[in-house]
């Protein structure tokens, strides 16, 4: 549970930033802030990987999401 918040937050930030990058490219705007969001999200995922002390897999993300939701319910 020690790395769940970082993993979920980083994954959500990366997904939202990728959508924002695509939107900025379509509207001919600079995707600078979205790229910064991807980098911050990658940093959060990297931090979660360091905290986990093990090799993270793709299946850890849904498990972490459900553990975070379970703490709020």
Protein backbone atom coordinates (compact mmCIF):
# COMPACT_ATOMS: atom_id res chain seq x y z
CA UNK A 1 0.00 0.00 0.00
CA UNK A 2 3.00 2.28 0.36
CA UNK A 3 3.27 3.00 -3.35
CA UNK A 4 -0.34 2.84 -4.50
CA UNK A 5 -1.05 6.56 -4.44
CA UNK A 6 2.05 7.38 -6.46
CA UNK A 7 1.32 4.65 -9.00
CA UNK A 8 -2.32 5.61 -9.50
CA UNK A 9 -1.58 9.34 -9.56
CA UNK A 10 1.23 8.90 -12.06
CA UNK A 11 -0.83 6.67 -14.34
CA UNK A 12 -3.78 9.08 -14.32
CA UNK A 13 -1.52 12.07 -14.93
CA UNK A 14 0.21 10.34 -17.85
CA UNK A 15 -3.10 9.37 -19.46
CA UNK A 16 -4.61 12.83 -19.11
CA UNK A 17 -1.44 14.49 -20.37
CA UNK A 18 -1.32 12.26 -23.44
CA UNK A 19 -4.86 13.30 -24.30
CA UNK A 20 -3.90 16.94 -23.75
CA UNK A 21 -0.87 16.54 -26.04
CA UNK A 22 -3.10 15.18 -28.80
CA UNK A 23 -5.55 18.05 -28.28
CA UNK A 24 -2.79 20.64 -28.39
CA UNK A 25 -1.41 19.17 -31.62
CA UNK A 26 -4.85 19.24 -33.27
CA UNK A 27 -5.45 22.86 -32.24
CA UNK A 28 -1.92 23.96 -33.24
CA UNK A 29 -0.98 24.95 -29.70
CA UNK A 30 2.20 24.27 -27.81
CA UNK A 31 2.05 20.97 -25.89
CA UNK A 32 4.67 22.16 -23.39
CA UNK A 33 2.54 21.90 -20.23
CA UNK A 34 1.24 18.51 -21.27
CA UNK A 35 4.77 17.21 -21.83
CA UNK A 36 5.66 18.49 -18.36
CA UNK A 37 2.63 16.58 -17.04
CA UNK A 38 3.87 13.38 -18.70
CA UNK A 39 7.29 13.87 -17.14
CA UNK A 40 5.80 14.44 -13.68
CA UNK A 41 3.60 11.36 -14.11
CA UNK A 42 6.61 9.31 -15.17
CA UNK A 43 8.43 10.59 -12.10
CA UNK A 44 5.56 9.45 -9.88
CA UNK A 45 5.54 6.01 -11.49
CA UNK A 46 9.32 5.82 -11.05
CA UNK A 47 8.96 6.81 -7.41
CA UNK A 48 6.35 4.07 -6.94
CA UNK A 49 8.72 1.58 -8.54
CA UNK A 50 11.49 2.61 -6.14
CA UNK A 51 9.14 2.37 -3.13
CA UNK A 52 7.82 -1.05 -4.13
CA UNK A 53 11.21 -2.71 -3.88
CA UNK A 54 10.19 -5.19 -6.55
CA UNK A 55 9.53 -5.32 -10.26
CA UNK A 56 6.18 -3.71 -11.06
CA UNK A 57 3.98 -5.25 -13.74
CA UNK A 58 1.03 -3.89 -15.67
CA UNK A 59 -1.32 -5.86 -13.42
CA UNK A 60 -0.21 -3.82 -10.42
CA UNK A 61 -2.01 -0.72 -11.73
CA UNK A 62 -5.61 -2.07 -11.49
CA UNK A 63 -4.83 -3.66 -8.14
CA UNK A 64 -3.47 -0.34 -6.87
CA UNK A 65 -6.54 1.50 -8.18
CA UNK A 66 -8.86 -0.84 -6.31
CA UNK A 67 -6.79 -0.60 -3.12
CA UNK A 68 -6.91 3.21 -3.28
CA UNK A 69 -10.66 3.16 -3.90
CA UNK A 70 -11.12 0.73 -1.02
CA UNK A 71 -9.42 3.12 1.40
CA UNK A 72 -11.84 5.92 0.42
CA UNK A 73 -15.01 3.84 0.65
